Amino acid sequence: MPKVVAREGESFQGTLRRFKKICEKASLLSDIKKNQYFEKPTVERRRLLNAAMRKALKQQRKIARYRKSV
């Protein structure tokens, strides 16, 4: 769990802002949301495979766009 110590003369809002930023960098909220419900292993595999396919297609489009411009 990230910890933040308030600096001298720092407002509560400033300290809270730093804490939220540290939590965001540690990706705590996304982990909590991901583990909120049980996901069957097959569903997880399918989701990861679809994400990998989308990423590959995006990369191919980017390369094709670059080749057209050159």
C-alpha atoms as a PDB file:
ATOM      1  CA  MET A   1       0.000   0.000   0.000  1.00  0.00           C
ATOM      2  CA  PRO A   2       1.487   3.353  -0.996  1.00  0.00           C
ATOM      3  CA  LYS A   3       2.163   5.799   1.791  1.00  0.00           C
ATOM      4  CA  VAL A   4       2.419   9.562   1.623  1.00  0.00           C
ATOM      5  CA  VAL A   5       3.766  11.768   4.387  1.00  0.00           C
ATOM      6  CA  ALA A   6       2.444  15.310   4.391  1.00  0.00           C
ATOM      7  CA  ARG A   7       5.137  17.879   3.775  1.00  0.00           C
ATOM      8  CA  GLU A   8       5.468  20.885   6.007  1.00  0.00           C
ATOM      9  CA  GLY A   9       3.020  23.575   4.966  1.00  0.00           C
ATOM     10  CA  GLU A  10       1.322  21.298   2.385  1.00  0.00           C
ATOM     11  CA  SER A  11      -2.461  21.347   2.194  1.00  0.00           C
ATOM     12  CA  PHE A  12      -4.609  18.266   2.541  1.00  0.00           C
ATOM     13  CA  GLN A  13      -5.648  18.543  -1.116  1.00  0.00           C
ATOM     14  CA  GLY A  14      -2.015  18.534  -2.222  1.00  0.00           C
ATOM     15  CA  THR A  15      -1.239  15.477  -0.138  1.00  0.00           C
ATOM     16  CA  LEU A  16      -4.331  13.689  -1.442  1.00  0.00           C
ATOM     17  CA  ARG A  17      -3.355  14.559  -5.025  1.00  0.00           C
ATOM     18  CA  ARG A  18       0.116  13.042  -4.511  1.00  0.00           C
ATOM     19  CA  PHE A  19      -1.423   9.919  -2.955  1.00  0.00           C
ATOM     20  CA  LYS A  20      -3.813   9.455  -5.877  1.00  0.00           C
ATOM     21  CA  LYS A  21      -0.960   9.848  -8.354  1.00  0.00           C
ATOM     22  CA  ILE A  22       1.136   7.236  -6.529  1.00  0.00           C
ATOM     23  CA  CYS A  23      -1.837   4.829  -6.464  1.00  0.00           C
ATOM     24  CA  GLU A  24      -2.403   5.378 -10.177  1.00  0.00           C
ATOM     25  CA  LYS A  25       1.245   4.618 -10.966  1.00  0.00           C
ATOM     26  CA  ALA A  26       1.039   1.446  -8.867  1.00  0.00           C
ATOM     27  CA  SER A  27      -2.155   0.509 -10.825  1.00  0.00           C
ATOM     28  CA  LEU A  28      -4.018  -0.364  -7.629  1.00  0.00           C
ATOM     29  CA  LEU A  29      -7.479   0.562  -8.875  1.00  0.00           C
ATOM     30  CA  SER A  30      -7.164  -1.503 -12.048  1.00  0.00           C
ATOM     31  CA  ASP A  31      -6.020  -4.522  -9.992  1.00  0.00           C
ATOM     32  CA  ILE A  32      -8.943  -4.120  -7.613  1.00  0.00           C
ATOM     33  CA  LYS A  33     -11.435  -3.850 -10.477  1.00  0.00           C
ATOM     34  CA  LYS A  34      -9.863  -6.826 -12.241  1.00  0.00           C
ATOM     35  CA  ASN A  35     -10.083  -9.026  -9.140  1.00  0.00           C
ATOM     36  CA  GLN A  36     -13.523  -7.848  -8.095  1.00  0.00           C
ATOM     37  CA  TYR A  37     -15.227 -10.798  -9.823  1.00  0.00           C
ATOM     38  CA  PHE A  38     -13.914 -14.282 -10.574  1.00  0.00           C
ATOM     39  CA  GLU A  39     -13.069 -14.824 -14.203  1.00  0.00           C
ATOM     40  CA  LYS A  40     -12.867 -18.351 -15.517  1.00  0.00           C
ATOM     41  CA  PRO A  41      -9.446 -19.271 -16.963  1.00  0.00           C
ATOM     42  CA  THR A  42     -10.913 -19.832 -20.443  1.00  0.00           C
ATOM     43  CA  VAL A  43     -12.568 -16.406 -20.406  1.00  0.00           C
ATOM     44  CA  GLU A  44      -9.320 -14.794 -19.265  1.00  0.00           C
ATOM     45  CA  ARG A  45      -7.363 -16.549 -22.029  1.00  0.00           C
ATOM     46  CA  ARG A  46      -9.908 -15.444 -24.632  1.00  0.00           C
ATOM     47  CA  ARG A  47      -9.780 -11.844 -23.387  1.00  0.00           C
ATOM     48  CA  LEU A  48      -5.972 -11.784 -23.476  1.00  0.00           C
ATOM     49  CA  LEU A  49      -5.916 -13.380 -26.940  1.00  0.00           C
ATOM     50  CA  ASN A  50      -8.368 -10.792 -28.279  1.00  0.00           C
ATOM     51  CA  ALA A  51      -6.272  -7.986 -26.802  1.00  0.00           C
ATOM     52  CA  ALA A  52      -3.138  -9.404 -28.424  1.00  0.00           C
ATOM     53  CA  MET A  53      -4.903  -9.669 -31.787  1.00  0.00           C
ATOM     54  CA  ARG A  54      -6.138  -6.067 -31.571  1.00  0.00           C
ATOM     55  CA  LYS A  55      -2.627  -4.908 -30.716  1.00  0.00           C
ATOM     56  CA  ALA A  56      -1.131  -6.838 -33.663  1.00  0.00           C
ATOM     57  CA  LEU A  57      -3.710  -5.425 -36.092  1.00  0.00           C
ATOM     58  CA  LYS A  58      -3.041  -1.911 -34.859  1.00  0.00           C
ATOM     59  CA  GLN A  59       0.697  -2.423 -35.368  1.00  0.00           C
ATOM     60  CA  GLN A  60       0.123  -3.792 -38.899  1.00  0.00           C
ATOM     61  CA  ARG A  61      -2.023  -0.783 -39.806  1.00  0.00           C
ATOM     62  CA  LYS A  62       0.633   1.546 -38.472  1.00  0.00           C
ATOM     63  CA  ILE A  63       3.336  -0.159 -40.563  1.00  0.00           C
ATOM     64  CA  ALA A  64       1.118  -0.120 -43.685  1.00  0.00           C
ATOM     65  CA  ARG A  65       0.402   3.592 -43.214  1.00  0.00           C
ATOM     66  CA  TYR A  66       4.130   4.276 -42.862  1.00  0.00           C
ATOM     67  CA  ARG A  67       4.970   2.317 -46.033  1.00  0.00           C
ATOM     68  CA  LYS A  68       2.372   4.272 -48.043  1.00  0.00           C
ATOM     69  CA  SER A  69       3.866   7.579 -47.017  1.00  0.00           C
ATOM     70  CA  VAL A  70       7.450   6.576 -47.885  1.00  0.00           C
END
